[in-house]
């Protein structure tokens, strides 16, 4: 393959790659939420773990990873930091390996304080992206969740 066709392919990937554009958009959106939560010394990724723990009561790492699409090492690193800050605590489990966790009273208070800042960031992001984009995003994520569930059911 000659230099010109290769350069044309490189230029096409550089200017059109959806994956790169989504990663860039993710960074922009994450920065908006992180800026809003900064005064609480909280990141949006941590807030989502707090929310998952609040919803689940006792959060099992595998379930949180599946729900938030996180790898185990990312979750465990965040949970360790959040335990050190007193936001989460490990729940004794007969398995001993899984290390389920739950929200502490301090974590719940932090979550309650974070909601107004999160709401402000949410409005800012919705305005930036537009309602149509947000609705489409919700549809795509829901389809992906349903697809993952049906694949997991088929595998078991």
N, C-alpha and C. Protein backbone atom coordinates (compact mmCIF):
# COMPACT_ATOMS: atom_id res chain seq x y z
N UNK A 1 0.85 -1.18 0.00
CA UNK A 1 0.00 0.00 0.00
C UNK A 1 0.89 1.24 0.00
N UNK A 2 0.57 2.20 -0.86
CA UNK A 2 1.38 3.40 -0.98
C UNK A 2 1.18 4.35 0.18
N UNK A 3 2.04 5.35 0.22
CA UNK A 3 2.03 6.32 1.32
C UNK A 3 0.75 7.15 1.33
N UNK A 4 0.24 7.52 0.13
CA UNK A 4 -0.97 8.37 0.09
C UNK A 4 -2.20 7.66 0.64
N UNK A 5 -2.48 6.40 0.23
CA UNK A 5 -3.65 5.72 0.81
C UNK A 5 -3.53 5.52 2.32
N UNK A 6 -2.32 5.22 2.78
CA UNK A 6 -2.12 5.04 4.22
C UNK A 6 -2.38 6.35 4.94
N UNK A 7 -1.86 7.45 4.40
CA UNK A 7 -2.09 8.76 5.01
C UNK A 7 -3.57 9.11 5.02
N UNK A 8 -4.27 8.76 3.94
CA UNK A 8 -5.71 9.03 3.86
C UNK A 8 -6.45 8.24 4.95
N UNK A 9 -6.06 6.97 5.17
CA UNK A 9 -6.68 6.17 6.22
C UNK A 9 -6.41 6.77 7.60
N UNK A 10 -5.16 7.18 7.82
CA UNK A 10 -4.79 7.79 9.10
C UNK A 10 -5.61 9.05 9.33
N UNK A 11 -5.72 9.89 8.30
CA UNK A 11 -6.49 11.14 8.42
C UNK A 11 -7.96 10.84 8.71
N UNK A 12 -8.50 9.80 8.06
CA UNK A 12 -9.91 9.43 8.28
C UNK A 12 -10.13 8.98 9.72
N UNK A 13 -9.27 8.10 10.22
CA UNK A 13 -9.39 7.63 11.60
C UNK A 13 -9.25 8.81 12.56
N UNK A 14 -8.26 9.66 12.33
CA UNK A 14 -8.01 10.80 13.22
C UNK A 14 -9.19 11.77 13.26
N UNK A 15 -9.89 11.93 12.16
CA UNK A 15 -10.97 12.91 12.11
C UNK A 15 -12.35 12.34 12.38
N UNK A 16 -12.52 11.00 12.30
CA UNK A 16 -13.86 10.43 12.39
C UNK A 16 -14.06 9.37 13.48
N UNK A 17 -13.04 8.92 14.16
CA UNK A 17 -13.18 7.80 15.08
C UNK A 17 -14.16 8.11 16.21
N UNK A 18 -15.25 7.37 16.24
CA UNK A 18 -16.29 7.57 17.25
C UNK A 18 -15.74 7.26 18.64
N UNK A 19 -14.93 6.21 18.77
CA UNK A 19 -14.38 5.84 20.08
C UNK A 19 -13.55 6.98 20.67
N UNK A 20 -12.72 7.59 19.86
CA UNK A 20 -11.90 8.71 20.34
C UNK A 20 -12.78 9.89 20.73
N UNK A 21 -13.77 10.18 19.90
CA UNK A 21 -14.67 11.30 20.20
C UNK A 21 -15.43 11.06 21.51
N UNK A 22 -15.88 9.82 21.71
CA UNK A 22 -16.60 9.51 22.96
C UNK A 22 -15.68 9.61 24.16
N UNK A 23 -14.43 9.18 24.03
CA UNK A 23 -13.48 9.31 25.14
C UNK A 23 -13.23 10.78 25.47
N UNK A 24 -13.11 11.60 24.43
CA UNK A 24 -12.92 13.04 24.64
C UNK A 24 -14.14 13.65 25.32
N UNK A 25 -15.33 13.28 24.84
CA UNK A 25 -16.57 13.76 25.44
C UNK A 25 -16.67 13.31 26.89
N UNK A 26 -16.29 12.08 27.16
CA UNK A 26 -16.31 11.57 28.53
C UNK A 26 -15.44 12.43 29.44
N UNK A 27 -14.28 12.81 28.97
CA UNK A 27 -13.39 13.65 29.79
C UNK A 27 -14.01 15.02 30.05
N UNK A 28 -14.63 15.61 29.03
CA UNK A 28 -15.29 16.91 29.20
C UNK A 28 -16.41 16.80 30.23
N UNK A 29 -17.27 15.80 30.08
CA UNK A 29 -18.41 15.63 30.98
C UNK A 29 -17.93 15.31 32.40
N UNK A 30 -16.97 14.40 32.52
CA UNK A 30 -16.44 14.06 33.85
C UNK A 30 -15.87 15.29 34.54
N UNK A 31 -15.18 16.13 33.80
CA UNK A 31 -14.62 17.35 34.40
C UNK A 31 -15.70 18.28 34.93
N UNK A 32 -16.83 18.35 34.24
CA UNK A 32 -17.94 19.20 34.71
C UNK A 32 -18.44 18.69 36.07
N UNK A 33 -18.68 17.38 36.16
CA UNK A 33 -19.15 16.81 37.43
C UNK A 33 -18.08 16.92 38.52
N UNK A 34 -16.84 16.60 38.18
CA UNK A 34 -15.77 16.67 39.18
C UNK A 34 -15.59 18.09 39.70
N UNK A 35 -15.69 19.08 38.81
CA UNK A 35 -15.59 20.49 39.24
C UNK A 35 -16.71 20.82 40.21
N UNK A 36 -17.92 20.35 39.93
CA UNK A 36 -19.07 20.64 40.80
C UNK A 36 -18.92 19.99 42.17
N UNK A 37 -18.29 18.82 42.21
CA UNK A 37 -18.15 18.06 43.46
C UNK A 37 -16.85 18.34 44.22
N UNK A 38 -15.96 19.11 43.61
CA UNK A 38 -14.62 19.33 44.17
C UNK A 38 -14.64 19.86 45.60
N UNK A 39 -15.57 20.74 45.93
CA UNK A 39 -15.60 21.32 47.29
C UNK A 39 -15.88 20.25 48.35
N UNK A 40 -16.44 19.11 47.93
CA UNK A 40 -16.72 18.01 48.85
C UNK A 40 -15.59 16.98 48.84
N UNK A 41 -14.54 17.25 48.07
CA UNK A 41 -13.41 16.32 47.91
C UNK A 41 -13.90 14.97 47.38
N UNK A 42 -14.81 15.04 46.40
CA UNK A 42 -15.46 13.87 45.84
C UNK A 42 -15.39 13.93 44.32
N UNK A 43 -15.18 12.79 43.70
CA UNK A 43 -15.21 12.69 42.24
C UNK A 43 -16.50 11.99 41.83
N UNK A 44 -16.95 12.25 40.61
CA UNK A 44 -18.20 11.65 40.15
C UNK A 44 -18.08 10.13 40.11
N UNK A 45 -16.93 9.60 39.82
CA UNK A 45 -16.76 8.14 39.83
C UNK A 45 -16.98 7.58 41.23
N UNK A 46 -16.51 8.30 42.25
CA UNK A 46 -16.73 7.87 43.64
C UNK A 46 -18.19 8.04 44.02
N UNK A 47 -18.81 9.11 43.56
CA UNK A 47 -20.21 9.33 43.88
C UNK A 47 -21.06 8.18 43.34
N UNK A 48 -20.74 7.71 42.15
CA UNK A 48 -21.51 6.62 41.57
C UNK A 48 -21.35 5.33 42.36
N UNK A 49 -20.18 5.12 42.96
CA UNK A 49 -19.98 3.96 43.83
C UNK A 49 -20.79 4.13 45.10
N UNK A 50 -20.82 5.34 45.65
CA UNK A 50 -21.65 5.61 46.84
C UNK A 50 -23.13 5.36 46.53
N UNK A 51 -23.57 5.82 45.37
CA UNK A 51 -24.97 5.63 44.97
C UNK A 51 -25.27 4.13 44.82
N UNK A 52 -24.36 3.39 44.19
CA UNK A 52 -24.56 1.94 44.04
C UNK A 52 -24.66 1.28 45.41
N UNK A 53 -23.79 1.66 46.34
CA UNK A 53 -23.83 1.08 47.69
C UNK A 53 -25.13 1.45 48.39
N UNK A 54 -25.57 2.70 48.21
CA UNK A 54 -26.82 3.13 48.84
C UNK A 54 -28.01 2.35 48.28
N UNK A 55 -28.02 2.11 46.98
CA UNK A 55 -29.13 1.36 46.37
C UNK A 55 -29.11 -0.11 46.74
N UNK A 56 -27.92 -0.69 46.81
CA UNK A 56 -27.80 -2.13 47.05
C UNK A 56 -27.87 -2.50 48.52
N UNK A 57 -27.59 -1.56 49.40
CA UNK A 57 -27.52 -1.88 50.82
C UNK A 57 -26.18 -2.51 51.12
N UNK A 58 -26.04 -3.78 50.81
CA UNK A 58 -24.75 -4.45 50.86
C UNK A 58 -24.32 -4.65 49.41
N UNK A 59 -23.26 -3.97 49.04
CA UNK A 59 -22.80 -4.00 47.65
C UNK A 59 -21.74 -5.07 47.47
N UNK A 60 -21.99 -5.97 46.55
CA UNK A 60 -21.00 -6.99 46.20
C UNK A 60 -20.17 -6.46 45.03
N UNK A 61 -18.85 -6.50 45.17
CA UNK A 61 -17.98 -5.92 44.13
C UNK A 61 -18.31 -6.38 42.70
N UNK A 62 -18.58 -7.65 42.51
CA UNK A 62 -18.88 -8.15 41.16
C UNK A 62 -20.12 -7.47 40.60
N UNK A 63 -21.13 -7.29 41.43
CA UNK A 63 -22.37 -6.65 40.99
C UNK A 63 -22.14 -5.17 40.69
N UNK A 64 -21.35 -4.49 41.52
CA UNK A 64 -21.05 -3.07 41.29
C UNK A 64 -20.27 -2.92 39.99
N UNK A 65 -19.28 -3.78 39.79
CA UNK A 65 -18.48 -3.73 38.56
C UNK A 65 -19.36 -3.92 37.33
N UNK A 66 -20.27 -4.87 37.42
CA UNK A 66 -21.16 -5.13 36.30
C UNK A 66 -22.08 -3.94 36.06
N UNK A 67 -22.65 -3.42 37.12
CA UNK A 67 -23.59 -2.30 37.00
C UNK A 67 -22.92 -1.04 36.46
N UNK A 68 -21.73 -0.72 36.96
CA UNK A 68 -21.04 0.51 36.57
C UNK A 68 -20.04 0.30 35.42
N UNK A 69 -19.94 -0.94 34.94
CA UNK A 69 -18.99 -1.27 33.87
C UNK A 69 -17.56 -0.88 34.26
N UNK A 70 -17.15 -1.31 35.45
CA UNK A 70 -15.81 -1.06 35.97
C UNK A 70 -15.04 -2.37 36.01
N UNK A 71 -13.73 -2.27 35.90
CA UNK A 71 -12.95 -3.47 36.14
C UNK A 71 -12.69 -3.57 37.65
N UNK A 72 -12.41 -4.77 38.11
CA UNK A 72 -12.30 -5.05 39.54
C UNK A 72 -11.21 -4.19 40.19
N UNK A 73 -10.07 -4.02 39.51
CA UNK A 73 -8.97 -3.25 40.12
C UNK A 73 -9.35 -1.78 40.31
N UNK A 74 -10.09 -1.21 39.36
CA UNK A 74 -10.54 0.18 39.50
C UNK A 74 -11.49 0.32 40.69
N UNK A 75 -12.44 -0.62 40.79
CA UNK A 75 -13.37 -0.56 41.92
C UNK A 75 -12.63 -0.72 43.24
N UNK A 76 -11.76 -1.71 43.34
CA UNK A 76 -11.10 -1.96 44.62
C UNK A 76 -10.21 -0.79 45.02
N UNK A 77 -9.55 -0.16 44.07
CA UNK A 77 -8.72 1.03 44.37
C UNK A 77 -9.61 2.15 44.93
N UNK A 78 -10.76 2.39 44.29
CA UNK A 78 -11.67 3.44 44.77
C UNK A 78 -12.27 3.09 46.12
N UNK A 79 -12.68 1.84 46.29
CA UNK A 79 -13.28 1.43 47.56
C UNK A 79 -12.26 1.60 48.69
N UNK A 80 -11.01 1.25 48.47
CA UNK A 80 -9.97 1.41 49.50
C UNK A 80 -9.86 2.88 49.92
N UNK A 81 -9.82 3.77 48.95
CA UNK A 81 -9.73 5.22 49.26
C UNK A 81 -10.97 5.68 50.02
N UNK A 82 -12.12 5.18 49.62
CA UNK A 82 -13.37 5.60 50.24
C UNK A 82 -13.52 5.02 51.64
N UNK A 83 -13.00 3.82 51.86
CA UNK A 83 -12.99 3.26 53.22
C UNK A 83 -12.07 4.10 54.10
N UNK A 84 -10.92 4.49 53.59
CA UNK A 84 -9.97 5.29 54.37
C UNK A 84 -10.58 6.63 54.77
N UNK A 85 -11.49 7.15 53.97
CA UNK A 85 -12.16 8.41 54.29
C UNK A 85 -13.40 8.22 55.15
N UNK A 86 -13.73 6.97 55.43
CA UNK A 86 -14.88 6.68 56.29
C UNK A 86 -16.21 6.71 55.58
N UNK A 87 -16.22 6.63 54.25
CA UNK A 87 -17.46 6.69 53.48
C UNK A 87 -18.07 5.31 53.28
N UNK A 88 -17.22 4.29 53.26
CA UNK A 88 -17.66 2.91 53.05
C UNK A 88 -17.05 2.03 54.13
N UNK A 89 -17.70 0.90 54.38
CA UNK A 89 -17.13 -0.10 55.30
C UNK A 89 -17.37 -1.49 54.73
N UNK A 90 -16.43 -2.38 55.02
CA UNK A 90 -16.55 -3.76 54.56
C UNK A 90 -17.56 -4.48 55.45
N UNK A 91 -18.36 -5.31 54.82
CA UNK A 91 -19.35 -6.12 55.54
C UNK A 91 -18.77 -7.52 55.66
N UNK A 92 -18.71 -8.07 56.87
CA UNK A 92 -18.20 -9.43 57.01
C UNK A 92 -19.03 -10.40 56.15
N UNK A 93 -18.32 -11.31 55.50
CA UNK A 93 -18.97 -12.26 54.60
C UNK A 93 -18.33 -13.63 54.80
N UNK A 94 -19.14 -14.67 54.74
CA UNK A 94 -18.56 -16.00 54.97
C UNK A 94 -17.57 -16.39 53.88
N UNK A 95 -17.69 -15.83 52.69
CA UNK A 95 -16.77 -16.14 51.60
C UNK A 95 -15.36 -15.62 51.90
N UNK A 96 -15.25 -14.43 52.46
CA UNK A 96 -13.95 -13.87 52.82
C UNK A 96 -13.19 -13.27 51.65
N UNK A 97 -13.49 -13.71 50.43
CA UNK A 97 -12.77 -13.19 49.27
C UNK A 97 -13.48 -12.02 48.62
N UNK A 98 -14.81 -12.01 48.69
CA UNK A 98 -15.56 -11.04 47.89
C UNK A 98 -15.57 -9.63 48.47
N UNK A 99 -15.42 -9.47 49.77
CA UNK A 99 -15.36 -8.15 50.41
C UNK A 99 -16.54 -7.23 50.07
N UNK A 100 -17.77 -7.64 50.37
CA UNK A 100 -18.90 -6.73 50.16
C UNK A 100 -18.73 -5.49 51.05
N UNK A 101 -19.35 -4.41 50.62
CA UNK A 101 -19.22 -3.16 51.38
C UNK A 101 -20.56 -2.44 51.42
N UNK A 102 -20.64 -1.48 52.35
CA UNK A 102 -21.86 -0.67 52.46
C UNK A 102 -21.47 0.76 52.80
N UNK A 103 -22.43 1.62 52.62
CA UNK A 103 -22.29 3.03 52.93
C UNK A 103 -22.27 3.21 54.45
N UNK A 104 -21.40 4.06 54.94
CA UNK A 104 -21.40 4.41 56.36
C UNK A 104 -22.33 5.62 56.55
N UNK A 105 -22.68 5.94 57.79
CA UNK A 105 -23.47 7.17 58.00
C UNK A 105 -22.75 8.41 57.43
N UNK A 106 -21.43 8.44 57.57
CA UNK A 106 -20.66 9.55 57.02
C UNK A 106 -20.77 9.59 55.48
N UNK A 107 -20.73 8.41 54.87
CA UNK A 107 -20.89 8.32 53.41
C UNK A 107 -22.27 8.78 52.97
N UNK A 108 -23.30 8.41 53.73
CA UNK A 108 -24.66 8.84 53.40
C UNK A 108 -24.80 10.36 53.51
N UNK A 109 -24.21 10.95 54.56
CA UNK A 109 -24.26 12.42 54.70
C UNK A 109 -23.55 13.09 53.53
N UNK A 110 -22.40 12.54 53.12
CA UNK A 110 -21.67 13.10 51.99
C UNK A 110 -22.53 13.02 50.72
N UNK A 111 -23.17 11.90 50.52
CA UNK A 111 -24.02 11.73 49.35
C UNK A 111 -25.16 12.75 49.35
N UNK A 112 -25.75 12.97 50.51
CA UNK A 112 -26.83 13.96 50.62
C UNK A 112 -26.31 15.37 50.30
N UNK A 113 -25.11 15.69 50.77
CA UNK A 113 -24.51 17.00 50.47
C UNK A 113 -24.16 17.13 48.99
N UNK A 114 -23.83 16.00 48.35
CA UNK A 114 -23.37 16.02 46.95
C UNK A 114 -24.51 16.20 45.95
N UNK A 115 -25.71 15.82 46.32
CA UNK A 115 -26.82 15.83 45.35
C UNK A 115 -27.06 17.21 44.73
N UNK A 116 -27.08 18.31 45.49
CA UNK A 116 -27.28 19.61 44.83
C UNK A 116 -26.18 19.95 43.82
N UNK A 117 -24.93 19.66 44.15
CA UNK A 117 -23.83 19.93 43.22
C UNK A 117 -23.96 19.03 41.99
N UNK A 118 -24.32 17.76 42.21
CA UNK A 118 -24.53 16.84 41.10
C UNK A 118 -25.66 17.35 40.20
N UNK A 119 -26.76 17.82 40.79
CA UNK A 119 -27.90 18.32 40.02
C UNK A 119 -27.50 19.50 39.14
N UNK A 120 -26.68 20.37 39.69
CA UNK A 120 -26.20 21.52 38.93
C UNK A 120 -25.34 21.05 37.74
N UNK A 121 -24.44 20.12 37.98
CA UNK A 121 -23.61 19.58 36.90
C UNK A 121 -24.48 18.85 35.87
N UNK A 122 -25.48 18.12 36.35
CA UNK A 122 -26.38 17.40 35.45
C UNK A 122 -27.08 18.36 34.51
N UNK A 123 -27.58 19.47 35.03
CA UNK A 123 -28.24 20.48 34.19
C UNK A 123 -27.26 21.06 33.18
N UNK A 124 -26.05 21.34 33.61
CA UNK A 124 -25.04 21.90 32.73
C UNK A 124 -24.71 20.93 31.59
N UNK A 125 -24.57 19.66 31.91
CA UNK A 125 -24.25 18.66 30.88
C UNK A 125 -25.43 18.47 29.93
N UNK A 126 -26.64 18.43 30.46
CA UNK A 126 -27.82 18.27 29.60
C UNK A 126 -27.93 19.44 28.63
N UNK A 127 -27.62 20.64 29.11
CA UNK A 127 -27.66 21.83 28.26
C UNK A 127 -26.56 21.74 27.19
N UNK A 128 -25.38 21.32 27.59
CA UNK A 128 -24.25 21.20 26.67
C UNK A 128 -24.55 20.18 25.57
N UNK A 129 -25.08 19.02 25.94
CA UNK A 129 -25.29 17.93 25.00
C UNK A 129 -26.61 18.04 24.24
N UNK A 130 -27.60 18.64 24.87
CA UNK A 130 -28.92 18.72 24.26
C UNK A 130 -29.78 17.53 24.68
N UNK A 131 -31.06 17.78 24.84
CA UNK A 131 -31.97 16.74 25.32
C UNK A 131 -32.03 15.54 24.38
N UNK A 132 -32.00 15.79 23.07
CA UNK A 132 -32.06 14.69 22.11
C UNK A 132 -30.88 13.74 22.28
N UNK A 133 -29.71 14.29 22.48
CA UNK A 133 -28.51 13.46 22.67
C UNK A 133 -28.63 12.66 23.95
N UNK A 134 -29.09 13.29 25.02
CA UNK A 134 -29.22 12.61 26.31
C UNK A 134 -30.24 11.47 26.20
N UNK A 135 -31.36 11.72 25.53
CA UNK A 135 -32.37 10.67 25.35
C UNK A 135 -31.80 9.50 24.55
N UNK A 136 -31.06 9.81 23.48
CA UNK A 136 -30.44 8.76 22.67
C UNK A 136 -29.41 7.99 23.49
N UNK A 137 -28.64 8.69 24.28
CA UNK A 137 -27.65 8.05 25.15
C UNK A 137 -28.34 7.07 26.10
N UNK A 138 -29.43 7.50 26.72
CA UNK A 138 -30.17 6.62 27.64
C UNK A 138 -30.69 5.38 26.92
N UNK A 139 -31.18 5.54 25.68
CA UNK A 139 -31.67 4.39 24.91
C UNK A 139 -30.54 3.42 24.60
N UNK A 140 -29.40 3.95 24.17
CA UNK A 140 -28.26 3.09 23.82
C UNK A 140 -27.75 2.35 25.04
N UNK A 141 -27.64 3.03 26.17
CA UNK A 141 -27.16 2.40 27.40
C UNK A 141 -28.14 1.32 27.85
N UNK A 142 -29.44 1.60 27.76
CA UNK A 142 -30.45 0.60 28.14
C UNK A 142 -30.36 -0.63 27.24
N UNK A 143 -30.19 -0.43 25.95
CA UNK A 143 -30.03 -1.56 25.02
C UNK A 143 -28.80 -2.37 25.38
N UNK A 144 -27.70 -1.69 25.69
CA UNK A 144 -26.47 -2.38 26.07
C UNK A 144 -26.65 -3.19 27.34
N UNK A 145 -27.38 -2.65 28.31
CA UNK A 145 -27.63 -3.35 29.57
C UNK A 145 -28.50 -4.58 29.31
N UNK A 146 -29.49 -4.44 28.46
CA UNK A 146 -30.35 -5.59 28.14
C UNK A 146 -29.55 -6.65 27.40
N UNK A 147 -28.68 -6.23 26.49
CA UNK A 147 -27.86 -7.17 25.74
C UNK A 147 -26.92 -7.93 26.68
N UNK A 148 -26.30 -7.21 27.64
CA UNK A 148 -25.39 -7.87 28.60
C UNK A 148 -26.15 -8.87 29.45
N UNK A 149 -27.37 -8.51 29.87
CA UNK A 149 -28.18 -9.41 30.70
C UNK A 149 -28.55 -10.66 29.91
N UNK A 150 -28.97 -10.51 28.66
CA UNK A 150 -29.35 -11.69 27.87
C UNK A 150 -28.13 -12.55 27.56
N UNK A 151 -26.96 -11.94 27.36
CA UNK A 151 -25.74 -12.73 27.13
C UNK A 151 -25.36 -13.49 28.39
N UNK A 152 -25.49 -12.85 29.55
CA UNK A 152 -25.17 -13.53 30.82
C UNK A 152 -26.15 -14.68 31.06
N UNK A 153 -27.43 -14.46 30.76
CA UNK A 153 -28.42 -15.53 30.92
C UNK A 153 -28.11 -16.70 30.01
N UNK A 154 -27.69 -16.42 28.78
CA UNK A 154 -27.38 -17.48 27.82
C UNK A 154 -26.15 -18.26 28.24
N UNK A 155 -25.20 -17.58 28.90
CA UNK A 155 -23.96 -18.24 29.32
C UNK A 155 -24.17 -19.15 30.52
N UNK A 156 -25.22 -18.88 31.33
CA UNK A 156 -25.42 -19.69 32.54
C UNK A 156 -26.30 -20.89 32.33
